[in-house]
Amino acid sequence: MAEQLIDQALRHFIIENFLYGEKTAVLKDDDSLSEKGIVDSTGVLELISYVETEFEIAVNDEEIVPENFDSIANLTRYVQKKRSGDPHAA
């Protein structure tokens, strides 16, 4: 799956589920989802469930870090690495 498609899918999920479909929501690739109050600890669990289901990857506990889950850019890179079989995805 191309980076752009991953980005679009993640962005759509976040806007629909955490910003309640707010069409005017401006969400930059590097915006911190936690610092902006978009995703809290419960939201991270929802996001993990979505990523595992949508992209058919397994998220290991040690991979649940801000470097992987705190922005759309980080999430996109993480998903790409996991889907490519990169053992250093975390």
PDB file of N, CA and C in Angstrom:
ATOM      1  N   MET A   1       0.851  -1.179   0.000  1.00  0.00           N
ATOM      2  CA  MET A   1       0.000   0.000   0.000  1.00  0.00           C
ATOM      3  C   MET A   1       0.893   1.237   0.000  1.00  0.00           C
ATOM      4  N   ALA A   2       0.596   2.174  -0.852  1.00  0.00           N
ATOM      5  CA  ALA A   2       1.400   3.383  -0.987  1.00  0.00           C
ATOM      6  C   ALA A   2       1.263   4.282   0.239  1.00  0.00           C
ATOM      7  N   GLU A   3       2.319   5.042   0.488  1.00  0.00           N
ATOM      8  CA  GLU A   3       2.349   5.950   1.632  1.00  0.00           C
ATOM      9  C   GLU A   3       1.140   6.889   1.636  1.00  0.00           C
ATOM     10  N   GLN A   4       0.782   7.411   0.489  1.00  0.00           N
ATOM     11  CA  GLN A   4      -0.338   8.349   0.403  1.00  0.00           C
ATOM     12  C   GLN A   4      -1.654   7.685   0.820  1.00  0.00           C
ATOM     13  N   LEU A   5      -1.850   6.432   0.430  1.00  0.00           N
ATOM     14  CA  LEU A   5      -3.080   5.725   0.803  1.00  0.00           C
ATOM     15  C   LEU A   5      -3.129   5.438   2.299  1.00  0.00           C
ATOM     16  N   ILE A   6      -1.983   5.098   2.873  1.00  0.00           N
ATOM     17  CA  ILE A   6      -1.907   4.864   4.322  1.00  0.00           C
ATOM     18  C   ILE A   6      -2.244   6.160   5.051  1.00  0.00           C
ATOM     19  N   ASP A   7      -1.617   7.251   4.627  1.00  0.00           N
ATOM     20  CA  ASP A   7      -1.855   8.569   5.220  1.00  0.00           C
ATOM     21  C   ASP A   7      -3.340   8.928   5.155  1.00  0.00           C
ATOM     22  N   GLN A   8      -3.947   8.753   3.994  1.00  0.00           N
ATOM     23  CA  GLN A   8      -5.362   9.097   3.819  1.00  0.00           C
ATOM     24  C   GLN A   8      -6.264   8.255   4.721  1.00  0.00           C
ATOM     25  N   ALA A   9      -5.982   6.968   4.810  1.00  0.00           N
ATOM     26  CA  ALA A   9      -6.793   6.083   5.647  1.00  0.00           C
ATOM     27  C   ALA A   9      -6.678   6.473   7.122  1.00  0.00           C
ATOM     28  N   LEU A  10      -5.455   6.737   7.579  1.00  0.00           N
ATOM     29  CA  LEU A  10      -5.245   7.136   8.973  1.00  0.00           C
ATOM     30  C   LEU A  10      -5.918   8.475   9.264  1.00  0.00           C
ATOM     31  N   ARG A  11      -5.734   9.431   8.378  1.00  0.00           N
ATOM     32  CA  ARG A  11      -6.322  10.762   8.548  1.00  0.00           C
ATOM     33  C   ARG A  11      -7.857  10.662   8.622  1.00  0.00           C
ATOM     34  N   HIS A  12      -8.431   9.891   7.720  1.00  0.00           N
ATOM     35  CA  HIS A  12      -9.890   9.720   7.703  1.00  0.00           C
ATOM     36  C   HIS A  12     -10.373   9.104   9.023  1.00  0.00           C
ATOM     37  N   PHE A  13      -9.694   8.058   9.486  1.00  0.00           N
ATOM     38  CA  PHE A  13     -10.083   7.406  10.736  1.00  0.00           C
ATOM     39  C   PHE A  13     -10.012   8.384  11.907  1.00  0.00           C
ATOM     40  N   ILE A  14      -8.922   9.129  11.995  1.00  0.00           N
ATOM     41  CA  ILE A  14      -8.744  10.063  13.112  1.00  0.00           C
ATOM     42  C   ILE A  14      -9.794  11.168  13.071  1.00  0.00           C
ATOM     43  N   ILE A  15     -10.041  11.730  11.908  1.00  0.00           N
ATOM     44  CA  ILE A  15     -11.049  12.796  11.803  1.00  0.00           C
ATOM     45  C   ILE A  15     -12.442  12.266  12.140  1.00  0.00           C
ATOM     46  N   GLU A  16     -12.784  11.105  11.619  1.00  0.00           N
ATOM     47  CA  GLU A  16     -14.123  10.549  11.861  1.00  0.00           C
ATOM     48  C   GLU A  16     -14.332  10.102  13.306  1.00  0.00           C
ATOM     49  N   ASN A  17     -13.306   9.531  13.923  1.00  0.00           N
ATOM     50  CA  ASN A  17     -13.470   8.929  15.244  1.00  0.00           C
ATOM     51  C   ASN A  17     -13.039   9.795  16.418  1.00  0.00           C
ATOM     52  N   PHE A  18     -12.131  10.724  16.187  1.00  0.00           N
ATOM     53  CA  PHE A  18     -11.648  11.550  17.291  1.00  0.00           C
ATOM     54  C   PHE A  18     -12.039  13.015  17.146  1.00  0.00           C
ATOM     55  N   LEU A  19     -12.265  13.454  15.924  1.00  0.00           N
ATOM     56  CA  LEU A  19     -12.698  14.835  15.684  1.00  0.00           C
ATOM     57  C   LEU A  19     -14.152  14.859  15.221  1.00  0.00           C
ATOM     58  N   TYR A  20     -14.797  13.706  15.319  1.00  0.00           N
ATOM     59  CA  TYR A  20     -16.219  13.537  15.046  1.00  0.00           C
ATOM     60  C   TYR A  20     -16.643  14.079  13.683  1.00  0.00           C
ATOM     61  N   GLY A  21     -15.805  13.799  12.688  1.00  0.00           N
ATOM     62  CA  GLY A  21     -16.136  14.146  11.314  1.00  0.00           C
ATOM     63  C   GLY A  21     -16.047  15.623  10.994  1.00  0.00           C
ATOM     64  N   GLU A  22     -15.390  16.388  11.838  1.00  0.00           N
ATOM     65  CA  GLU A  22     -15.256  17.830  11.638  1.00  0.00           C
ATOM     66  C   GLU A  22     -14.551  18.104  10.310  1.00  0.00           C
ATOM     67  N   LYS A  23     -15.326  18.504   9.317  1.00  0.00           N
ATOM     68  CA  LYS A  23     -14.804  18.691   7.954  1.00  0.00           C
ATOM     69  C   LYS A  23     -13.783  19.818   7.866  1.00  0.00           C
ATOM     70  N   THR A  24     -13.833  20.768   8.787  1.00  0.00           N
ATOM     71  CA  THR A  24     -12.896  21.887   8.738  1.00  0.00           C
ATOM     72  C   THR A  24     -11.648  21.632   9.579  1.00  0.00           C
ATOM     73  N   ALA A  25     -11.546  20.444  10.154  1.00  0.00           N
ATOM     74  CA  ALA A  25     -10.393  20.119  10.997  1.00  0.00           C
ATOM     75  C   ALA A  25      -9.110  20.173  10.178  1.00  0.00           C
ATOM     76  N   VAL A  26      -8.150  20.904  10.689  1.00  0.00           N
ATOM     77  CA  VAL A  26      -6.845  20.990  10.043  1.00  0.00           C
ATOM     78  C   VAL A  26      -5.896  20.142  10.871  1.00  0.00           C
ATOM     79  N   LEU A  27      -5.426  19.087  10.270  1.00  0.00           N
ATOM     80  CA  LEU A  27      -4.547  18.162  10.964  1.00  0.00           C
ATOM     81  C   LEU A  27      -3.297  17.974  10.118  1.00  0.00           C
ATOM     82  N   LYS A  28      -2.209  18.602  10.555  1.00  0.00           N
ATOM     83  CA  LYS A  28      -0.949  18.508   9.820  1.00  0.00           C
ATOM     84  C   LYS A  28      -0.302  17.157  10.087  1.00  0.00           C
ATOM     85  N   ASP A  29       0.523  16.722   9.156  1.00  0.00           N
ATOM     86  CA  ASP A  29       1.171  15.415   9.272  1.00  0.00           C
ATOM     87  C   ASP A  29       1.956  15.252  10.565  1.00  0.00           C
ATOM     88  N   ASP A  30       2.608  16.323  11.028  1.00  0.00           N
ATOM     89  CA  ASP A  30       3.463  16.227  12.211  1.00  0.00           C
ATOM     90  C   ASP A  30       2.815  16.752  13.490  1.00  0.00           C
ATOM     91  N   ASP A  31       1.531  17.090  13.445  1.00  0.00           N
ATOM     92  CA  ASP A  31       0.838  17.528  14.658  1.00  0.00           C
ATOM     93  C   ASP A  31       0.818  16.392  15.674  1.00  0.00           C
ATOM     94  N   SER A  32       1.155  16.716  16.920  1.00  0.00           N
ATOM     95  CA  SER A  32       1.109  15.721  17.988  1.00  0.00           C
ATOM     96  C   SER A  32      -0.343  15.450  18.357  1.00  0.00           C
ATOM     97  N   LEU A  33      -0.758  14.207  18.183  1.00  0.00           N
ATOM     98  CA  LEU A  33      -2.140  13.831  18.489  1.00  0.00           C
ATOM     99  C   LEU A  33      -2.433  13.939  19.979  1.00  0.00           C
ATOM    100  N   SER A  34      -1.430  13.684  20.818  1.00  0.00           N
ATOM    101  CA  SER A  34      -1.646  13.773  22.266  1.00  0.00           C
ATOM    102  C   SER A  34      -1.579  15.220  22.747  1.00  0.00           C
ATOM    103  N   GLU A  35      -0.608  15.990  22.285  1.00  0.00           N
ATOM    104  CA  GLU A  35      -0.474  17.380  22.727  1.00  0.00           C
ATOM    105  C   GLU A  35      -1.658  18.234  22.293  1.00  0.00           C
ATOM    106  N   LYS A  36      -2.253  17.926  21.151  1.00  0.00           N
ATOM    107  CA  LYS A  36      -3.417  18.676  20.671  1.00  0.00           C
ATOM    108  C   LYS A  36      -4.711  18.171  21.316  1.00  0.00           C
ATOM    109  N   GLY A  37      -4.602  17.139  22.159  1.00  0.00           N
ATOM    110  CA  GLY A  37      -5.773  16.612  22.844  1.00  0.00           C
ATOM    111  C   GLY A  37      -6.705  15.820  21.942  1.00  0.00           C
ATOM    112  N   ILE A  38      -6.186  15.336  20.833  1.00  0.00           N
ATOM    113  CA  ILE A  38      -7.005  14.586  19.879  1.00  0.00           C
ATOM    114  C   ILE A  38      -7.155  13.137  20.323  1.00  0.00           C
ATOM    115  N   VAL A  39      -6.054  12.540  20.765  1.00  0.00           N
ATOM    116  CA  VAL A  39      -6.054  11.133  21.170  1.00  0.00           C
ATOM    117  C   VAL A  39      -5.522  11.029  22.595  1.00  0.00           C
ATOM    118  N   ASP A  40      -6.314  10.415  23.476  1.00  0.00           N
ATOM    119  CA  ASP A  40      -5.864  10.159  24.843  1.00  0.00           C
ATOM    120  C   ASP A  40      -5.467   8.688  24.956  1.00  0.00           C
ATOM    121  N   SER A  41      -5.225   8.207  26.154  1.00  0.00           N
ATOM    122  CA  SER A  41      -4.752   6.827  26.320  1.00  0.00           C
ATOM    123  C   SER A  41      -5.762   5.803  25.806  1.00  0.00           C
ATOM    124  N   THR A  42      -7.039   6.055  26.015  1.00  0.00           N
ATOM    125  CA  THR A  42      -8.065   5.158  25.481  1.00  0.00           C
ATOM    126  C   THR A  42      -8.090   5.234  23.962  1.00  0.00           C
ATOM    127  N   GLY A  43      -7.904   6.425  23.440  1.00  0.00           N
ATOM    128  CA  GLY A  43      -7.871   6.620  21.997  1.00  0.00           C
ATOM    129  C   GLY A  43      -6.722   5.879  21.341  1.00  0.00           C
ATOM    130  N   VAL A  44      -5.598   5.796  22.039  1.00  0.00           N
ATOM    131  CA  VAL A  44      -4.455   5.054  21.499  1.00  0.00           C
ATOM    132  C   VAL A  44      -4.847   3.591  21.296  1.00  0.00           C
ATOM    133  N   LEU A  45      -5.602   3.037  22.233  1.00  0.00           N
ATOM    134  CA  LEU A  45      -6.053   1.649  22.094  1.00  0.00           C
ATOM    135  C   LEU A  45      -6.963   1.487  20.880  1.00  0.00           C
ATOM    136  N   GLU A  46      -7.846   2.450  20.659  1.00  0.00           N
ATOM    137  CA  GLU A  46      -8.708   2.421  19.471  1.00  0.00           C
ATOM    138  C   GLU A  46      -7.873   2.506  18.197  1.00  0.00           C
ATOM    139  N   LEU A  47      -6.888   3.375  18.219  1.00  0.00           N
ATOM    140  CA  LEU A  47      -6.010   3.563  17.067  1.00  0.00           C
ATOM    141  C   LEU A  47      -5.220   2.292  16.766  1.00  0.00           C
ATOM    142  N   ILE A  48      -4.725   1.641  17.799  1.00  0.00           N
ATOM    143  CA  ILE A  48      -3.990   0.385  17.625  1.00  0.00           C
ATOM    144  C   ILE A  48      -4.896  -0.672  17.011  1.00  0.00           C
ATOM    145  N   SER A  49      -6.097  -0.792  17.529  1.00  0.00           N
ATOM    146  CA  SER A  49      -7.045  -1.769  16.994  1.00  0.00           C
ATOM    147  C   SER A  49      -7.318  -1.506  15.516  1.00  0.00           C
ATOM    148  N   TYR A  50      -7.526  -0.252  15.166  1.00  0.00           N
ATOM    149  CA  TYR A  50      -7.764   0.114  13.765  1.00  0.00           C
ATOM    150  C   TYR A  50      -6.562  -0.239  12.893  1.00  0.00           C
ATOM    151  N   VAL A  51      -5.374   0.140  13.329  1.00  0.00           N
ATOM    152  CA  VAL A  51      -4.151  -0.112  12.550  1.00  0.00           C
ATOM    153  C   VAL A  51      -3.962  -1.607  12.333  1.00  0.00           C
ATOM    154  N   GLU A  52      -4.160  -2.402  13.376  1.00  0.00           N
ATOM    155  CA  GLU A  52      -3.990  -3.851  13.241  1.00  0.00           C
ATOM    156  C   GLU A  52      -4.995  -4.444  12.257  1.00  0.00           C
ATOM    157  N   THR A  53      -6.227  -3.992  12.333  1.00  0.00           N
ATOM    158  CA  THR A  53      -7.277  -4.525  11.463  1.00  0.00           C
ATOM    159  C   THR A  53      -7.143  -4.021  10.031  1.00  0.00           C
ATOM    160  N   GLU A  54      -7.031  -2.729   9.876  1.00  0.00           N
ATOM    161  CA  GLU A  54      -7.015  -2.107   8.542  1.00  0.00           C
ATOM    162  C   GLU A  54      -5.785  -2.494   7.728  1.00  0.00           C
ATOM    163  N   PHE A  55      -4.630  -2.546   8.384  1.00  0.00           N
ATOM    164  CA  PHE A  55      -3.385  -2.775   7.661  1.00  0.00           C
ATOM    165  C   PHE A  55      -2.823  -4.181   7.850  1.00  0.00           C
ATOM    166  N   GLU A  56      -3.572  -5.004   8.585  1.00  0.00           N
ATOM    167  CA  GLU A  56      -3.210  -6.410   8.792  1.00  0.00           C
ATOM    168  C   GLU A  56      -1.792  -6.577   9.329  1.00  0.00           C
ATOM    169  N   ILE A  57      -1.528  -5.849  10.416  1.00  0.00           N
ATOM    170  CA  ILE A  57      -0.237  -5.956  11.087  1.00  0.00           C
ATOM    171  C   ILE A  57      -0.486  -6.217  12.568  1.00  0.00           C
ATOM    172  N   ALA A  58       0.527  -6.714  13.250  1.00  0.00           N
ATOM    173  CA  ALA A  58       0.457  -6.914  14.693  1.00  0.00           C
ATOM    174  C   ALA A  58       1.314  -5.846  15.360  1.00  0.00           C
ATOM    175  N   VAL A  59       0.727  -5.142  16.308  1.00  0.00           N
ATOM    176  CA  VAL A  59       1.444  -4.113  17.049  1.00  0.00           C
ATOM    177  C   VAL A  59       1.918  -4.731  18.355  1.00  0.00           C
ATOM    178  N   ASN A  60       3.217  -4.774  18.551  1.00  0.00           N
ATOM    179  CA  ASN A  60       3.794  -5.314  19.779  1.00  0.00           C
ATOM    180  C   ASN A  60       3.786  -4.238  20.863  1.00  0.00           C
ATOM    181  N   ASP A  61       3.686  -4.671  22.111  1.00  0.00           N
ATOM    182  CA  ASP A  61       3.626  -3.726  23.230  1.00  0.00           C
ATOM    183  C   ASP A  61       4.776  -2.724  23.208  1.00  0.00           C
ATOM    184  N   GLU A  62       5.981  -3.188  22.920  1.00  0.00           N
ATOM    185  CA  GLU A  62       7.144  -2.299  22.942  1.00  0.00           C
ATOM    186  C   GLU A  62       7.132  -1.282  21.801  1.00  0.00           C
ATOM    187  N   GLU A  63       6.234  -1.454  20.844  1.00  0.00           N
ATOM    188  CA  GLU A  63       6.133  -0.521  19.717  1.00  0.00           C
ATOM    189  C   GLU A  63       5.134   0.608  19.979  1.00  0.00           C
ATOM    190  N   ILE A  64       4.440   0.540  21.102  1.00  0.00           N
ATOM    191  CA  ILE A  64       3.438   1.552  21.435  1.00  0.00           C
ATOM    192  C   ILE A  64       4.140   2.720  22.127  1.00  0.00           C
ATOM    193  N   VAL A  65       4.782   3.528  21.317  1.00  0.00           N
ATOM    194  CA  VAL A  65       5.546   4.681  21.783  1.00  0.00           C
ATOM    195  C   VAL A  65       5.197   5.888  20.906  1.00  0.00           C
ATOM    196  N   PRO A  66       5.414   7.106  21.416  1.00  0.00           N
ATOM    197  CA  PRO A  66       5.097   8.299  20.628  1.00  0.00           C
ATOM    198  C   PRO A  66       5.785   8.330  19.258  1.00  0.00           C
ATOM    199  N   GLU A  67       6.982   7.782  19.191  1.00  0.00           N
ATOM    200  CA  GLU A  67       7.702   7.772  17.921  1.00  0.00           C
ATOM    201  C   GLU A  67       6.920   7.039  16.831  1.00  0.00           C
ATOM    202  N   ASN A  68       6.000   6.175  17.223  1.00  0.00           N
ATOM    203  CA  ASN A  68       5.188   5.431  16.256  1.00  0.00           C
ATOM    204  C   ASN A  68       3.749   5.924  16.170  1.00  0.00           C
ATOM    205  N   PHE A  69       3.199   6.450  17.256  1.00  0.00           N
ATOM    206  CA  PHE A  69       1.760   6.699  17.310  1.00  0.00           C
ATOM    207  C   PHE A  69       1.337   8.134  17.601  1.00  0.00           C
ATOM    208  N   ASP A  70       2.250   9.099  17.650  1.00  0.00           N
ATOM    209  CA  ASP A  70       1.841  10.436  18.082  1.00  0.00           C
ATOM    210  C   ASP A  70       1.535  11.422  16.955  1.00  0.00           C
ATOM    211  N   SER A  71       1.672  11.015  15.714  1.00  0.00           N
ATOM    212  CA  SER A  71       1.304  11.899  14.603  1.00  0.00           C
ATOM    213  C   SER A  71       0.952  11.039  13.395  1.00  0.00           C
ATOM    214  N   ILE A  72       0.299  11.649  12.445  1.00  0.00           N
ATOM    215  CA  ILE A  72      -0.035  10.914  11.227  1.00  0.00           C
ATOM    216  C   ILE A  72       1.240  10.508  10.499  1.00  0.00           C
ATOM    217  N   ALA A  73       2.230  11.387  10.471  1.00  0.00           N
ATOM    218  CA  ALA A  73       3.497  11.065   9.801  1.00  0.00           C
ATOM    219  C   ALA A  73       4.171   9.866  10.466  1.00  0.00           C
ATOM    220  N   ASN A  74       4.213   9.862  11.803  1.00  0.00           N
ATOM    221  CA  ASN A  74       4.828   8.741  12.525  1.00  0.00           C
ATOM    222  C   ASN A  74       4.065   7.445  12.285  1.00  0.00           C
ATOM    223  N   LEU A  75       2.753   7.526  12.343  1.00  0.00           N
ATOM    224  CA  LEU A  75       1.922   6.342  12.107  1.00  0.00           C
ATOM    225  C   LEU A  75       2.119   5.791  10.696  1.00  0.00           C
ATOM    226  N   THR A  76       2.162   6.676   9.724  1.00  0.00           N
ATOM    227  CA  THR A  76       2.336   6.255   8.334  1.00  0.00           C
ATOM    228  C   THR A  76       3.664   5.528   8.158  1.00  0.00           C
ATOM    229  N   ARG A  77       4.741   6.100   8.708  1.00  0.00           N
ATOM    230  CA  ARG A  77       6.068   5.455   8.621  1.00  0.00           C
ATOM    231  C   ARG A  77       6.053   4.092   9.311  1.00  0.00           C
ATOM    232  N   TYR A  78       5.445   4.050  10.492  1.00  0.00           N
ATOM    233  CA  TYR A  78       5.379   2.808  11.253  1.00  0.00           C
ATOM    234  C   TYR A  78       4.642   1.722  10.471  1.00  0.00           C
ATOM    235  N   VAL A  79       3.476   2.050   9.936  1.00  0.00           N
ATOM    236  CA  VAL A  79       2.686   1.075   9.177  1.00  0.00           C
ATOM    237  C   VAL A  79       3.464   0.595   7.957  1.00  0.00           C
ATOM    238  N   GLN A  80       4.106   1.512   7.250  1.00  0.00           N
ATOM    239  CA  GLN A  80       4.893   1.117   6.075  1.00  0.00           C
ATOM    240  C   GLN A  80       5.993   0.130   6.452  1.00  0.00           C
ATOM    241  N   LYS A  81       6.703   0.425   7.533  1.00  0.00           N
ATOM    242  CA  LYS A  81       7.785  -0.464   7.971  1.00  0.00           C
ATOM    243  C   LYS A  81       7.249  -1.833   8.374  1.00  0.00           C
ATOM    244  N   LYS A  82       6.156  -1.851   9.125  1.00  0.00           N
ATOM    245  CA  LYS A  82       5.585  -3.130   9.557  1.00  0.00           C
ATOM    246  C   LYS A  82       5.108  -3.948   8.364  1.00  0.00           C
ATOM    247  N   ARG A  83       4.472  -3.303   7.405  1.00  0.00           N
ATOM    248  CA  ARG A  83       3.960  -4.018   6.233  1.00  0.00           C
ATOM    249  C   ARG A  83       5.090  -4.527   5.348  1.00  0.00           C
ATOM    250  N   SER A  84       6.234  -3.864   5.394  1.00  0.00           N
ATOM    251  CA  SER A  84       7.367  -4.303   4.578  1.00  0.00           C
ATOM    252  C   SER A  84       8.150  -5.421   5.262  1.00  0.00           C
ATOM    253  N   GLY A  85       7.775  -5.723   6.516  1.00  0.00           N
ATOM    254  CA  GLY A  85       8.466  -6.775   7.254  1.00  0.00           C
ATOM    255  C   GLY A  85       9.739  -6.300   7.924  1.00  0.00           C
ATOM    256  N   ASP A  86       9.924  -4.996   8.022  1.00  0.00           N
ATOM    257  CA  ASP A  86      11.113  -4.421   8.651  1.00  0.00           C
ATOM    258  C   ASP A  86      11.145  -4.810  10.129  1.00  0.00           C
ATOM    259  N   PRO A  87      12.168  -5.547  10.565  1.00  0.00           N
ATOM    260  CA  PRO A  87      12.240  -5.957  11.968  1.00  0.00           C
ATOM    261  C   PRO A  87      12.534  -4.791  12.908  1.00  0.00           C
ATOM    262  N   HIS A  88      12.905  -3.643  12.353  1.00  0.00           N
ATOM    263  CA  HIS A  88      13.222  -2.472  13.175  1.00  0.00           C
ATOM    264  C   HIS A  88      12.110  -1.436  13.099  1.00  0.00           C
ATOM    265  N   ALA A  89      10.873  -1.884  12.996  1.00  0.00           N
ATOM    266  CA  ALA A  89       9.740  -0.971  12.859  1.00  0.00           C
ATOM    267  C   ALA A  89       9.513  -0.156  14.124  1.00  0.00           C
ATOM    268  N   ALA A  90       9.918  -0.686  15.258  1.00  0.00           N
ATOM    269  CA  ALA A  90       9.658   0.013  16.520  1.00  0.00           C
ATOM    270  C   ALA A  90      10.521   1.224  16.707  1.00  0.00           C
TER     271      ALA A  90
END
